[in-house]
Amino acid sequence: PPPRFYPHQITGKEEYLGVELEVEVNPFGGSRYGDGTRQSLELFAQQITMAFGSYWYIKDDSSISYGFELVSEPCQLEFHNKKMPWAALLKMLTDAKCKSHNTDTCGLHVHVSKASLGYNSKDITRAIDNLIIMFKRNWSYILQFVRRQDMYSMYHYARPNHSGVPEEKLIQSLPHLRGERFGRHVAINVINRDTIEFRIFKGTLSRQAILATIQFVHVMCGLG
C-alpha cells in the first residue's frame, strides 16, 4: 500500500523511520490464535488490522514458520516516541502468546528515508559509505546492541556489508559493498529505491528495545 507519513511530509527531506517487526505465534501457547491453522492466524491478523490499521499493516514472511511481519507506516522519531501506539500493539501480541526475541527466525528491521541523508545523490552515497565504514570499524560494539546470539541466522539474513574485506581495502571496496554483493540480506541494505534498511537487529516485543533500536538508527544516520 502507499505509505502514510506521520506527521505529513513538508519538504520531502525529513527523516522518516519505518519498522518491520517479525513475530511468531506460538501454536502451543494457549492463545485462541495459536492452534496452528492458517485460519486462526488470518483471524489474528484481521484483529490487529482492525485495531491498528492506521499505523501498521501485515505481510507474510516465508522465513517465519507460523506468524507474520508487522510493517509500520513511516514516522518521524518524535512520533514513534510519543504518539505511536507501540505499547497497545505489543500488549496485544504478548497477550496472544506471540514471540519475537526468543526465536531463531524473527528480526527487527528499520528503514530510513534516503532523501533525509543528503540534498543530492552524491551526498546520499557519501552518507551510505560512511555508515558502512562505521559499521566495519565498530562492529564488535554494534553486535552487543543488536541482541543477536545466533550468528548463523544473522549472517544468513543480515550479513555485514564489509564481510571478508580487510581494513586496508575498505575504502576502495565501497562501491562494491553498497551494491548487490549479497542481495538485500545485508546489515545495511541500500538497494531499495527510497530507503536504506538496517536488518541486523533481533526481534523483540519490548517497547523500550524497539524505541532504542529506532534511536540507534537515527543517531547512526546523523553521524553518517
N, C-alpha and C. Protein backbone atom coordinates (compact mmCIF):
# COMPACT_ATOMS: atom_id res chain seq x y z
N PRO A 1 0.83 -1.21 0.00
CA PRO A 1 0.00 0.00 0.00
C PRO A 1 0.87 1.26 0.00
N PRO A 2 0.36 2.37 -0.52
CA PRO A 2 1.13 3.62 -0.48
C PRO A 2 1.34 4.06 0.96
N PRO A 3 2.52 4.59 1.27
CA PRO A 3 2.81 4.95 2.67
C PRO A 3 2.00 6.15 3.14
N ARG A 4 1.71 6.14 4.44
CA ARG A 4 1.12 7.29 5.11
C ARG A 4 2.17 7.83 6.07
N PHE A 5 2.54 9.08 5.92
CA PHE A 5 3.62 9.64 6.71
C PHE A 5 3.06 10.32 7.96
N TYR A 6 3.73 10.06 9.10
CA TYR A 6 3.35 10.67 10.37
C TYR A 6 4.54 11.42 10.95
N PRO A 7 4.44 12.74 11.16
CA PRO A 7 3.43 13.63 10.58
C PRO A 7 3.64 13.78 9.07
N HIS A 8 2.76 14.51 8.42
CA HIS A 8 2.82 14.64 6.97
C HIS A 8 4.11 15.30 6.51
N GLN A 9 4.57 14.89 5.34
CA GLN A 9 5.77 15.49 4.77
C GLN A 9 5.54 16.96 4.43
N ILE A 10 6.59 17.74 4.59
CA ILE A 10 6.53 19.16 4.22
C ILE A 10 7.56 19.45 3.12
N THR A 11 8.82 19.12 3.41
CA THR A 11 9.89 19.41 2.43
C THR A 11 10.29 18.19 1.61
N GLY A 12 9.95 17.00 2.09
CA GLY A 12 10.42 15.78 1.43
C GLY A 12 11.79 15.35 1.87
N LYS A 13 12.46 16.17 2.73
CA LYS A 13 13.79 15.84 3.21
C LYS A 13 13.78 15.42 4.68
N GLU A 14 12.60 15.37 5.29
CA GLU A 14 12.53 14.96 6.69
C GLU A 14 12.94 13.50 6.84
N GLU A 15 13.45 13.17 8.01
CA GLU A 15 13.81 11.79 8.28
C GLU A 15 12.57 11.03 8.76
N TYR A 16 12.23 9.97 8.03
CA TYR A 16 11.16 9.08 8.44
C TYR A 16 11.75 7.69 8.66
N LEU A 17 11.25 7.03 9.69
CA LEU A 17 11.74 5.70 10.05
C LEU A 17 10.56 4.73 10.07
N GLY A 18 10.69 3.66 9.32
CA GLY A 18 9.67 2.62 9.29
C GLY A 18 10.22 1.33 9.86
N VAL A 19 9.40 0.62 10.61
CA VAL A 19 9.84 -0.58 11.32
C VAL A 19 9.14 -1.81 10.76
N GLU A 20 9.91 -2.87 10.56
CA GLU A 20 9.37 -4.18 10.23
C GLU A 20 9.67 -5.12 11.39
N LEU A 21 8.62 -5.61 12.02
CA LEU A 21 8.76 -6.48 13.20
C LEU A 21 8.22 -7.86 12.85
N GLU A 22 9.10 -8.85 12.90
CA GLU A 22 8.71 -10.23 12.61
C GLU A 22 8.26 -10.92 13.90
N VAL A 23 7.14 -11.63 13.82
CA VAL A 23 6.50 -12.20 15.00
C VAL A 23 6.08 -13.64 14.72
N GLU A 24 6.32 -14.51 15.68
CA GLU A 24 5.80 -15.87 15.63
C GLU A 24 4.66 -16.02 16.63
N VAL A 25 3.61 -16.72 16.21
CA VAL A 25 2.52 -17.05 17.10
C VAL A 25 2.76 -18.48 17.58
N ASN A 26 2.79 -18.67 18.89
CA ASN A 26 3.08 -19.98 19.46
C ASN A 26 1.89 -20.91 19.28
N PRO A 27 2.00 -21.96 18.47
CA PRO A 27 0.85 -22.85 18.25
C PRO A 27 0.48 -23.68 19.47
N PHE A 28 1.32 -23.65 20.51
CA PHE A 28 1.02 -24.40 21.73
C PHE A 28 0.96 -23.48 22.96
N GLY A 29 0.76 -22.19 22.70
CA GLY A 29 0.84 -21.23 23.79
C GLY A 29 -0.45 -20.95 24.52
N GLY A 30 -1.53 -21.61 24.17
CA GLY A 30 -2.77 -21.39 24.88
C GLY A 30 -3.61 -20.25 24.35
N SER A 31 -3.15 -19.58 23.31
CA SER A 31 -3.93 -18.50 22.70
C SER A 31 -4.96 -19.08 21.74
N ARG A 32 -6.08 -18.39 21.59
CA ARG A 32 -7.09 -18.87 20.65
C ARG A 32 -6.62 -18.71 19.21
N TYR A 33 -5.54 -17.96 18.99
CA TYR A 33 -4.97 -17.82 17.64
C TYR A 33 -3.87 -18.83 17.39
N GLY A 34 -3.48 -19.58 18.42
CA GLY A 34 -2.31 -20.42 18.31
C GLY A 34 -2.61 -21.88 18.16
N ASP A 35 -3.61 -22.24 17.34
CA ASP A 35 -3.91 -23.65 17.15
C ASP A 35 -3.20 -24.24 15.93
N GLY A 36 -2.34 -23.44 15.31
CA GLY A 36 -1.55 -23.93 14.19
C GLY A 36 -2.22 -23.87 12.84
N THR A 37 -3.44 -23.37 12.77
CA THR A 37 -4.16 -23.32 11.49
C THR A 37 -3.99 -21.96 10.83
N ARG A 38 -4.03 -21.98 9.52
CA ARG A 38 -3.94 -20.73 8.76
C ARG A 38 -5.14 -19.83 9.06
N GLN A 39 -6.28 -20.43 9.28
CA GLN A 39 -7.49 -19.65 9.55
C GLN A 39 -7.34 -18.83 10.83
N SER A 40 -6.81 -19.44 11.88
CA SER A 40 -6.62 -18.72 13.14
C SER A 40 -5.60 -17.59 12.98
N LEU A 41 -4.53 -17.86 12.23
CA LEU A 41 -3.51 -16.84 12.02
C LEU A 41 -4.10 -15.65 11.26
N GLU A 42 -4.90 -15.93 10.24
CA GLU A 42 -5.54 -14.85 9.48
C GLU A 42 -6.53 -14.08 10.33
N LEU A 43 -7.23 -14.76 11.23
CA LEU A 43 -8.16 -14.08 12.13
C LEU A 43 -7.41 -13.12 13.05
N PHE A 44 -6.28 -13.57 13.56
CA PHE A 44 -5.47 -12.71 14.43
C PHE A 44 -4.97 -11.49 13.65
N ALA A 45 -4.51 -11.71 12.44
CA ALA A 45 -4.04 -10.60 11.60
C ALA A 45 -5.16 -9.60 11.35
N GLN A 46 -6.37 -10.08 11.14
CA GLN A 46 -7.51 -9.19 10.95
C GLN A 46 -7.80 -8.37 12.19
N GLN A 47 -7.67 -9.00 13.36
CA GLN A 47 -7.91 -8.28 14.62
C GLN A 47 -6.88 -7.16 14.81
N ILE A 48 -5.64 -7.45 14.48
CA ILE A 48 -4.60 -6.42 14.58
C ILE A 48 -4.88 -5.28 13.61
N THR A 49 -5.25 -5.62 12.39
CA THR A 49 -5.53 -4.60 11.38
C THR A 49 -6.70 -3.73 11.80
N MET A 50 -7.73 -4.32 12.37
CA MET A 50 -8.89 -3.55 12.83
C MET A 50 -8.49 -2.56 13.92
N ALA A 51 -7.60 -2.99 14.80
CA ALA A 51 -7.21 -2.14 15.93
C ALA A 51 -6.15 -1.11 15.56
N PHE A 52 -5.23 -1.48 14.67
CA PHE A 52 -4.06 -0.63 14.45
C PHE A 52 -3.77 -0.37 12.97
N GLY A 53 -4.75 -0.56 12.11
CA GLY A 53 -4.51 -0.45 10.68
C GLY A 53 -4.09 0.92 10.19
N SER A 54 -4.29 1.95 11.01
CA SER A 54 -3.82 3.29 10.62
C SER A 54 -2.31 3.41 10.70
N TYR A 55 -1.69 2.54 11.48
CA TYR A 55 -0.26 2.67 11.75
C TYR A 55 0.58 1.49 11.28
N TRP A 56 -0.03 0.30 11.14
CA TRP A 56 0.71 -0.88 10.73
C TRP A 56 -0.10 -1.67 9.71
N TYR A 57 0.58 -2.39 8.84
CA TYR A 57 -0.08 -3.41 8.03
C TYR A 57 0.72 -4.70 8.15
N ILE A 58 0.14 -5.78 7.70
CA ILE A 58 0.71 -7.12 7.92
C ILE A 58 1.10 -7.76 6.61
N LYS A 59 2.25 -8.39 6.61
CA LYS A 59 2.76 -9.10 5.44
C LYS A 59 3.11 -10.54 5.82
N ASP A 60 2.98 -11.44 4.86
CA ASP A 60 3.53 -12.78 5.03
C ASP A 60 5.05 -12.72 4.95
N ASP A 61 5.70 -13.62 5.64
CA ASP A 61 7.16 -13.72 5.59
C ASP A 61 7.52 -15.19 5.55
N SER A 62 8.17 -15.60 4.48
CA SER A 62 8.49 -17.02 4.28
C SER A 62 9.49 -17.55 5.29
N SER A 63 10.22 -16.65 5.98
CA SER A 63 11.22 -17.10 6.95
C SER A 63 10.59 -17.44 8.29
N ILE A 64 9.31 -17.13 8.47
CA ILE A 64 8.62 -17.36 9.74
C ILE A 64 7.69 -18.55 9.59
N SER A 65 7.81 -19.51 10.48
CA SER A 65 7.07 -20.76 10.33
C SER A 65 5.56 -20.56 10.56
N TYR A 66 5.19 -19.85 11.61
CA TYR A 66 3.78 -19.61 11.90
C TYR A 66 3.67 -18.23 12.51
N GLY A 67 3.51 -17.24 11.66
CA GLY A 67 3.47 -15.85 12.12
C GLY A 67 3.41 -14.91 10.94
N PHE A 68 3.91 -13.69 11.13
CA PHE A 68 3.81 -12.68 10.10
C PHE A 68 4.77 -11.54 10.40
N GLU A 69 4.78 -10.57 9.52
CA GLU A 69 5.62 -9.39 9.67
C GLU A 69 4.71 -8.17 9.79
N LEU A 70 4.92 -7.40 10.84
CA LEU A 70 4.20 -6.15 11.04
C LEU A 70 5.04 -5.00 10.50
N VAL A 71 4.47 -4.22 9.59
CA VAL A 71 5.20 -3.13 8.93
C VAL A 71 4.56 -1.81 9.35
N SER A 72 5.35 -0.95 9.96
CA SER A 72 4.81 0.34 10.38
C SER A 72 4.81 1.33 9.23
N GLU A 73 3.92 2.30 9.30
CA GLU A 73 4.00 3.44 8.41
C GLU A 73 5.23 4.26 8.77
N PRO A 74 5.80 5.00 7.82
CA PRO A 74 6.98 5.82 8.12
C PRO A 74 6.64 6.97 9.06
N CYS A 75 7.38 7.07 10.14
CA CYS A 75 7.13 8.09 11.16
C CYS A 75 8.43 8.80 11.51
N GLN A 76 8.31 10.03 11.92
CA GLN A 76 9.46 10.73 12.46
C GLN A 76 9.75 10.22 13.87
N LEU A 77 10.96 10.42 14.33
CA LEU A 77 11.40 9.86 15.61
C LEU A 77 10.49 10.27 16.76
N GLU A 78 10.14 11.53 16.84
CA GLU A 78 9.30 12.00 17.94
C GLU A 78 7.94 11.34 17.93
N PHE A 79 7.41 11.07 16.73
CA PHE A 79 6.11 10.40 16.65
C PHE A 79 6.21 8.97 17.18
N HIS A 80 7.28 8.27 16.82
CA HIS A 80 7.49 6.93 17.37
C HIS A 80 7.54 6.98 18.89
N ASN A 81 8.25 7.95 19.42
CA ASN A 81 8.45 8.03 20.87
C ASN A 81 7.20 8.42 21.64
N LYS A 82 6.39 9.31 21.08
CA LYS A 82 5.32 9.93 21.87
C LYS A 82 3.90 9.59 21.41
N LYS A 83 3.71 9.24 20.14
CA LYS A 83 2.34 9.07 19.65
C LYS A 83 2.04 7.70 19.06
N MET A 84 3.04 7.00 18.61
CA MET A 84 2.82 5.68 18.02
C MET A 84 2.35 4.71 19.11
N PRO A 85 1.25 4.01 18.91
CA PRO A 85 0.70 3.14 19.98
C PRO A 85 1.45 1.81 20.10
N TRP A 86 2.75 1.90 20.29
CA TRP A 86 3.57 0.69 20.43
C TRP A 86 3.12 -0.15 21.62
N ALA A 87 2.86 0.49 22.76
CA ALA A 87 2.54 -0.27 23.97
C ALA A 87 1.28 -1.10 23.78
N ALA A 88 0.25 -0.53 23.17
CA ALA A 88 -1.00 -1.25 22.97
C ALA A 88 -0.82 -2.40 21.99
N LEU A 89 -0.08 -2.17 20.92
CA LEU A 89 0.17 -3.24 19.94
C LEU A 89 0.93 -4.39 20.59
N LEU A 90 1.99 -4.07 21.31
CA LEU A 90 2.83 -5.12 21.89
C LEU A 90 2.09 -5.88 22.98
N LYS A 91 1.19 -5.21 23.71
CA LYS A 91 0.37 -5.92 24.69
C LYS A 91 -0.55 -6.92 24.00
N MET A 92 -1.12 -6.52 22.88
CA MET A 92 -1.97 -7.45 22.14
C MET A 92 -1.19 -8.67 21.68
N LEU A 93 0.05 -8.47 21.25
CA LEU A 93 0.88 -9.57 20.80
C LEU A 93 1.28 -10.48 21.96
N THR A 94 1.69 -9.90 23.07
CA THR A 94 2.10 -10.72 24.21
C THR A 94 0.91 -11.45 24.83
N ASP A 95 -0.25 -10.80 24.87
CA ASP A 95 -1.44 -11.47 25.39
C ASP A 95 -1.81 -12.68 24.54
N ALA A 96 -1.48 -12.62 23.25
CA ALA A 96 -1.76 -13.74 22.34
C ALA A 96 -0.62 -14.76 22.30
N LYS A 97 0.32 -14.64 23.25
CA LYS A 97 1.43 -15.60 23.38
C LYS A 97 2.37 -15.56 22.18
N CYS A 98 2.50 -14.41 21.54
CA CYS A 98 3.45 -14.28 20.43
C CYS A 98 4.87 -14.22 20.94
N LYS A 99 5.81 -14.48 20.04
CA LYS A 99 7.23 -14.42 20.35
C LYS A 99 7.95 -13.65 19.25
N SER A 100 9.06 -13.04 19.62
CA SER A 100 9.90 -12.39 18.62
C SER A 100 11.37 -12.52 19.00
N HIS A 101 11.72 -12.12 20.22
CA HIS A 101 13.12 -12.20 20.64
C HIS A 101 13.56 -13.65 20.81
N ASN A 102 12.74 -14.45 21.47
CA ASN A 102 13.12 -15.82 21.80
C ASN A 102 12.73 -16.79 20.70
N THR A 103 13.19 -16.47 19.48
CA THR A 103 13.02 -17.35 18.32
C THR A 103 14.34 -17.37 17.55
N ASP A 104 14.42 -18.27 16.58
CA ASP A 104 15.60 -18.32 15.71
C ASP A 104 15.37 -17.59 14.39
N THR A 105 14.15 -17.11 14.20
CA THR A 105 13.79 -16.59 12.87
C THR A 105 13.46 -15.11 12.83
N CYS A 106 13.01 -14.53 13.94
CA CYS A 106 12.42 -13.18 13.89
C CYS A 106 13.47 -12.08 14.01
N GLY A 107 13.34 -11.10 13.15
CA GLY A 107 14.21 -9.94 13.18
C GLY A 107 13.41 -8.66 13.32
N LEU A 108 14.14 -7.58 13.50
CA LEU A 108 13.57 -6.23 13.59
C LEU A 108 14.35 -5.38 12.60
N HIS A 109 13.68 -4.86 11.58
CA HIS A 109 14.34 -4.07 10.55
C HIS A 109 13.84 -2.64 10.60
N VAL A 110 14.73 -1.70 10.38
CA VAL A 110 14.35 -0.29 10.39
C VAL A 110 14.75 0.34 9.06
N HIS A 111 13.78 0.95 8.40
CA HIS A 111 14.00 1.68 7.15
C HIS A 111 14.13 3.17 7.43
N VAL A 112 15.01 3.82 6.71
CA VAL A 112 15.19 5.27 6.82
C VAL A 112 15.08 5.87 5.42
N SER A 113 14.41 6.98 5.31
CA SER A 113 14.25 7.64 4.02
C SER A 113 15.60 8.10 3.50
N LYS A 114 15.92 7.71 2.28
CA LYS A 114 17.19 8.13 1.68
C LYS A 114 17.26 9.64 1.52
N ALA A 115 16.13 10.26 1.24
CA ALA A 115 16.13 11.71 0.99
C ALA A 115 16.63 12.49 2.20
N SER A 116 16.50 11.89 3.40
CA SER A 116 16.95 12.60 4.60
C SER A 116 18.46 12.57 4.77
N LEU A 117 19.16 11.77 3.96
CA LEU A 117 20.60 11.62 4.12
C LEU A 117 21.41 12.66 3.36
N GLY A 118 20.77 13.43 2.50
CA GLY A 118 21.51 14.44 1.75
C GLY A 118 20.63 15.13 0.74
N TYR A 119 21.15 16.20 0.16
CA TYR A 119 20.36 17.01 -0.78
C TYR A 119 20.47 16.51 -2.21
N ASN A 120 21.41 15.62 -2.47
CA ASN A 120 21.55 15.08 -3.82
C ASN A 120 22.11 13.68 -3.73
N SER A 121 22.18 12.99 -4.87
CA SER A 121 22.61 11.58 -4.87
C SER A 121 24.05 11.42 -4.39
N LYS A 122 24.89 12.41 -4.66
CA LYS A 122 26.28 12.33 -4.20
C LYS A 122 26.34 12.37 -2.68
N ASP A 123 25.57 13.27 -2.07
CA ASP A 123 25.54 13.34 -0.61
C ASP A 123 25.01 12.05 0.00
N ILE A 124 23.97 11.50 -0.61
CA ILE A 124 23.37 10.26 -0.09
C ILE A 124 24.36 9.11 -0.17
N THR A 125 25.07 9.00 -1.30
CA THR A 125 26.07 7.95 -1.45
C THR A 125 27.17 8.10 -0.42
N ARG A 126 27.60 9.33 -0.18
CA ARG A 126 28.65 9.57 0.81
C ARG A 126 28.17 9.15 2.20
N ALA A 127 26.93 9.45 2.54
CA ALA A 127 26.38 9.07 3.85
C ALA A 127 26.32 7.55 3.99
N ILE A 128 25.91 6.87 2.94
CA ILE A 128 25.85 5.40 2.97
C ILE A 128 27.25 4.81 3.15
N ASP A 129 28.22 5.35 2.43
CA ASP A 129 29.60 4.88 2.57
C ASP A 129 30.10 5.07 4.01
N ASN A 130 29.76 6.21 4.60
CA ASN A 130 30.19 6.47 5.97
C ASN A 130 29.56 5.48 6.95
N LEU A 131 28.30 5.11 6.69
CA LEU A 131 27.65 4.12 7.55
C LEU A 131 28.34 2.77 7.45
N ILE A 132 28.69 2.36 6.24
CA ILE A 132 29.38 1.09 6.06
C ILE A 132 30.73 1.10 6.77
N ILE A 133 31.44 2.22 6.67
CA ILE A 133 32.73 2.35 7.34
C ILE A 133 32.56 2.27 8.87
N MET A 134 31.56 3.00 9.39
CA MET A 134 31.33 2.98 10.83
C MET A 134 30.97 1.59 11.32
N PHE A 135 30.17 0.87 10.55
CA PHE A 135 29.82 -0.49 10.95
C PHE A 135 31.06 -1.39 10.96
N LYS A 136 31.90 -1.26 9.97
CA LYS A 136 33.12 -2.06 9.91
C LYS A 136 34.01 -1.80 11.12
N ARG A 137 34.21 -0.54 11.44
CA ARG A 137 35.18 -0.16 12.47
C ARG A 137 34.62 -0.27 13.89
N ASN A 138 33.31 -0.45 14.01
CA ASN A 138 32.70 -0.56 15.34
C ASN A 138 31.84 -1.82 15.47
N TRP A 139 32.15 -2.81 14.65
CA TRP A 139 31.29 -3.98 14.55
C TRP A 139 31.13 -4.73 15.88
N SER A 140 32.20 -4.87 16.64
CA SER A 140 32.11 -5.62 17.90
C SER A 140 31.17 -4.92 18.88
N TYR A 141 31.15 -3.58 18.88
CA TYR A 141 30.25 -2.84 19.76
C TYR A 141 28.81 -2.93 19.25
N ILE A 142 28.64 -2.86 17.95
CA ILE A 142 27.30 -2.94 17.37
C ILE A 142 26.67 -4.30 17.65
N LEU A 143 27.46 -5.35 17.62
CA LEU A 143 26.93 -6.68 17.90
C LEU A 143 26.36 -6.78 19.31
N GLN A 144 26.93 -6.05 20.25
CA GLN A 144 26.42 -6.05 21.61
C GLN A 144 25.03 -5.42 21.69
N PHE A 145 24.77 -4.46 20.83
CA PHE A 145 23.49 -3.74 20.86
C PHE A 145 22.39 -4.50 20.15
N VAL A 146 22.69 -5.22 19.10
CA VAL A 146 21.63 -5.79 18.26
C VAL A 146 20.97 -7.02 18.89
N ARG A 147 21.54 -7.54 19.99
CA ARG A 147 20.92 -8.61 20.78
C ARG A 147 20.88 -9.96 20.07
N ARG A 148 21.68 -10.13 19.05
CA ARG A 148 21.70 -11.42 18.35
C ARG A 148 22.80 -12.32 18.93
N GLN A 149 22.42 -13.55 19.24
CA GLN A 149 23.40 -14.53 19.68
C GLN A 149 23.61 -15.62 18.64
N ASP A 150 22.63 -15.80 17.77
CA ASP A 150 22.72 -16.80 16.71
C ASP A 150 23.41 -16.17 15.50
N MET A 151 24.72 -16.36 15.42
CA MET A 151 25.48 -15.74 14.34
C MET A 151 25.14 -16.35 12.98
N TYR A 152 24.75 -17.62 12.97
CA TYR A 152 24.39 -18.24 11.69
C TYR A 152 23.18 -17.52 11.10
N SER A 153 22.18 -17.27 11.93
CA SER A 153 20.97 -16.60 11.45
C SER A 153 21.30 -15.20 10.96
N MET A 154 22.13 -14.48 11.72
CA MET A 154 22.44 -13.12 11.31
C MET A 154 23.22 -13.09 10.00
N TYR A 155 24.19 -13.98 9.85
CA TYR A 155 24.98 -13.97 8.62
C TYR A 155 24.17 -14.48 7.43
N HIS A 156 23.08 -15.17 7.71
CA HIS A 156 22.22 -15.64 6.62
C HIS A 156 21.28 -14.53 6.16
N TYR A 157 20.75 -13.74 7.12
CA TYR A 157 19.74 -12.73 6.80
C TYR A 157 20.27 -11.30 6.84
N ALA A 158 21.40 -11.08 7.50
CA ALA A 158 21.90 -9.70 7.66
C ALA A 158 23.42 -9.69 7.73
N ARG A 159 24.04 -10.28 6.73
CA ARG A 159 25.49 -10.36 6.68
C ARG A 159 26.10 -8.95 6.65
N PRO A 160 27.16 -8.71 7.42
CA PRO A 160 27.79 -7.38 7.37
C PRO A 160 28.25 -7.04 5.96
N ASN A 161 28.01 -5.82 5.54
CA ASN A 161 28.41 -5.39 4.20
C ASN A 161 29.91 -5.57 3.98
N HIS A 162 30.67 -5.42 5.06
CA HIS A 162 32.13 -5.45 4.95
C HIS A 162 32.69 -6.87 5.08
N SER A 163 31.85 -7.87 5.11
CA SER A 163 32.30 -9.24 5.35
C SER A 163 33.42 -9.64 4.38
N GLY A 164 34.53 -10.08 4.94
CA GLY A 164 35.65 -10.56 4.14
C GLY A 164 36.54 -9.48 3.57
N VAL A 165 36.29 -8.22 3.91
CA VAL A 165 37.08 -7.11 3.35
C VAL A 165 38.03 -6.59 4.43
N PRO A 166 39.33 -6.67 4.22
CA PRO A 166 40.27 -6.15 5.21
C PRO A 166 40.24 -4.62 5.25
N GLU A 167 40.67 -4.08 6.37
CA GLU A 167 40.62 -2.63 6.57
C GLU A 167 41.35 -1.88 5.47
N GLU A 168 42.49 -2.39 5.04
CA GLU A 168 43.30 -1.66 4.04
C GLU A 168 42.62 -1.58 2.68
N LYS A 169 41.60 -2.42 2.44
CA LYS A 169 40.89 -2.38 1.17
C LYS A 169 39.46 -1.84 1.29
N LEU A 170 39.13 -1.35 2.49
CA LEU A 170 37.75 -0.94 2.76
C LEU A 170 37.30 0.21 1.86
N ILE A 171 38.08 1.27 1.79
CA ILE A 171 37.66 2.47 1.05
C ILE A 171 37.49 2.16 -0.43
N GLN A 172 38.45 1.48 -1.01
CA GLN A 172 38.36 1.19 -2.45
C GLN A 172 37.25 0.19 -2.76
N SER A 173 36.78 -0.55 -1.74
CA SER A 173 35.74 -1.55 -1.96
C SER A 173 34.33 -0.99 -1.79
N LEU A 174 34.20 0.26 -1.36
CA LEU A 174 32.88 0.81 -1.02
C LEU A 174 31.86 0.71 -2.15
N PRO A 175 32.20 1.01 -3.41
CA PRO A 175 31.19 0.86 -4.46
C PRO A 175 30.64 -0.56 -4.56
N HIS A 176 31.49 -1.53 -4.30
CA HIS A 176 31.09 -2.93 -4.31
C HIS A 176 30.23 -3.26 -3.09
N LEU A 177 30.59 -2.70 -1.93
CA LEU A 177 29.91 -3.04 -0.68
C LEU A 177 28.52 -2.44 -0.60
N ARG A 178 28.30 -1.33 -1.27
CA ARG A 178 26.95 -0.75 -1.23
C ARG A 178 26.07 -1.26 -2.36
N GLY A 179 26.59 -2.18 -3.16
CA GLY A 179 25.83 -2.73 -4.26
C GLY A 179 25.06 -3.97 -3.85
N GLU A 180 24.89 -4.89 -4.77
CA GLU A 180 24.09 -6.08 -4.53
C GLU A 180 24.97 -7.30 -4.30
N ARG A 181 26.03 -7.10 -3.55
CA ARG A 181 27.00 -8.16 -3.30
C ARG A 181 26.34 -9.40 -2.69
N PHE A 182 25.48 -9.20 -1.69
CA PHE A 182 24.76 -10.30 -1.06
C PHE A 182 23.25 -10.12 -1.21
N GLY A 183 22.81 -9.36 -2.21
CA GLY A 183 21.38 -9.07 -2.34
C GLY A 183 20.92 -8.14 -1.22
N ARG A 184 19.69 -8.34 -0.76
CA ARG A 184 19.18 -7.48 0.30
C ARG A 184 19.48 -8.01 1.69
N HIS A 185 20.06 -9.22 1.78
CA HIS A 185 20.31 -9.83 3.07
C HIS A 185 21.65 -9.39 3.65
N VAL A 186 21.78 -8.08 3.83
CA VAL A 186 22.98 -7.49 4.41
C VAL A 186 22.58 -6.58 5.57
N ALA A 187 23.56 -6.23 6.39
CA ALA A 187 23.28 -5.40 7.56
C ALA A 187 22.64 -4.07 7.16
N ILE A 188 23.21 -3.42 6.15
CA ILE A 188 22.66 -2.16 5.63
C ILE A 188 22.28 -2.41 4.18
N ASN A 189 21.01 -2.60 3.94
CA ASN A 189 20.51 -2.86 2.60
C ASN A 189 20.17 -1.53 1.92
N VAL A 190 20.85 -1.23 0.82
CA VAL A 190 20.66 0.07 0.17
C VAL A 190 20.05 -0.06 -1.22
N ILE A 191 19.57 -1.24 -1.59
CA ILE A 191 19.10 -1.42 -2.96
C ILE A 191 17.65 -0.98 -3.17
N ASN A 192 16.93 -0.67 -2.07
CA ASN A 192 15.59 -0.12 -2.24
C ASN A 192 15.67 1.28 -2.85
N ARG A 193 14.65 1.68 -3.56
CA ARG A 193 14.68 2.97 -4.25
C ARG A 193 14.67 4.15 -3.28
N ASP A 194 13.82 4.09 -2.26
CA ASP A 194 13.57 5.27 -1.42
C ASP A 194 14.12 5.17 -0.01
N THR A 195 14.56 3.98 0.41
CA THR A 195 15.01 3.82 1.79
C THR A 195 16.30 3.02 1.85
N ILE A 196 17.00 3.18 2.97
CA ILE A 196 18.01 2.20 3.35
C ILE A 196 17.42 1.42 4.52
N GLU A 197 17.82 0.15 4.60
CA GLU A 197 17.22 -0.75 5.59
C GLU A 197 18.31 -1.34 6.47
N PHE A 198 18.15 -1.15 7.78
CA PHE A 198 19.05 -1.75 8.76
C PHE A 198 18.42 -3.06 9.22
N ARG A 199 19.08 -4.19 8.91
CA ARG A 199 18.47 -5.51 9.08
C ARG A 199 19.08 -6.33 10.23
N ILE A 200 19.95 -5.76 11.01
CA ILE A 200 20.78 -6.55 11.91
C ILE A 200 20.15 -6.86 13.25
N PHE A 201 19.02 -6.26 13.59
CA PHE A 201 18.50 -6.35 14.95
C PHE A 201 17.64 -7.59 15.16
N LYS A 202 17.73 -8.16 16.33
CA LYS A 202 16.90 -9.30 16.69
C LYS A 202 15.51 -8.79 17.04
N GLY A 203 14.50 -9.60 16.74
CA GLY A 203 13.14 -9.21 17.05
C GLY A 203 12.91 -9.06 18.55
N THR A 204 11.89 -8.30 18.90
CA THR A 204 11.57 -8.08 20.31
C THR A 204 10.12 -7.62 20.43
N LEU A 205 9.53 -7.90 21.58
CA LEU A 205 8.20 -7.38 21.90
C LEU A 205 8.29 -6.37 23.04
N SER A 206 9.45 -5.81 23.23
CA SER A 206 9.69 -4.78 24.25
C SER A 206 9.64 -3.40 23.59
N ARG A 207 8.74 -2.57 24.06
CA ARG A 207 8.66 -1.20 23.54
C ARG A 207 9.98 -0.47 23.75
N GLN A 208 10.57 -0.63 24.91
CA GLN A 208 11.84 0.05 25.21
C GLN A 208 12.92 -0.35 24.22
N ALA A 209 13.00 -1.64 23.91
CA ALA A 209 14.02 -2.12 22.98
C ALA A 209 13.75 -1.62 21.56
N ILE A 210 12.48 -1.59 21.15
CA ILE A 210 12.15 -1.10 19.81
C ILE A 210 12.50 0.37 19.68
N LEU A 211 12.12 1.17 20.68
CA LEU A 211 12.43 2.60 20.60
C LEU A 211 13.93 2.86 20.67
N ALA A 212 14.65 2.05 21.44
CA ALA A 212 16.11 2.19 21.50
C ALA A 212 16.73 1.86 20.14
N THR A 213 16.17 0.87 19.46
CA THR A 213 16.67 0.50 18.13
C THR A 213 16.42 1.62 17.13
N ILE A 214 15.23 2.20 17.16
CA ILE A 214 14.92 3.32 16.27
C ILE A 214 15.86 4.50 16.55
N GLN A 215 16.10 4.76 17.83
CA GLN A 215 17.00 5.85 18.22
C GLN A 215 18.42 5.56 17.74
N PHE A 216 18.86 4.33 17.85
CA PHE A 216 20.20 3.94 17.39
C PHE A 216 20.35 4.23 15.90
N VAL A 217 19.36 3.83 15.10
CA VAL A 217 19.42 4.08 13.66
C VAL A 217 19.43 5.58 13.37
N HIS A 218 18.61 6.32 14.08
CA HIS A 218 18.57 7.78 13.91
C HIS A 218 19.96 8.39 14.18
N VAL A 219 20.58 7.98 15.26
CA VAL A 219 21.89 8.54 15.62
C VAL A 219 22.95 8.13 14.58
N MET A 220 22.94 6.87 14.16
CA MET A 220 23.91 6.43 13.17
C MET A 220 23.77 7.20 11.86
N CYS A 221 22.54 7.44 11.45
CA CYS A 221 22.34 8.21 10.20
C CYS A 221 22.78 9.65 10.37
N GLY A 222 22.62 10.19 11.57
CA GLY A 222 23.09 11.54 11.83
C GLY A 222 24.60 11.65 11.76
N LEU A 223 25.27 10.60 12.22
CA LEU A 223 26.73 10.58 12.16
C LEU A 223 27.23 10.38 10.74
N GLY A 224 26.42 9.64 9.93
CA GLY A 224 26.83 9.39 8.56
C GLY A 224 26.86 10.64 7.72
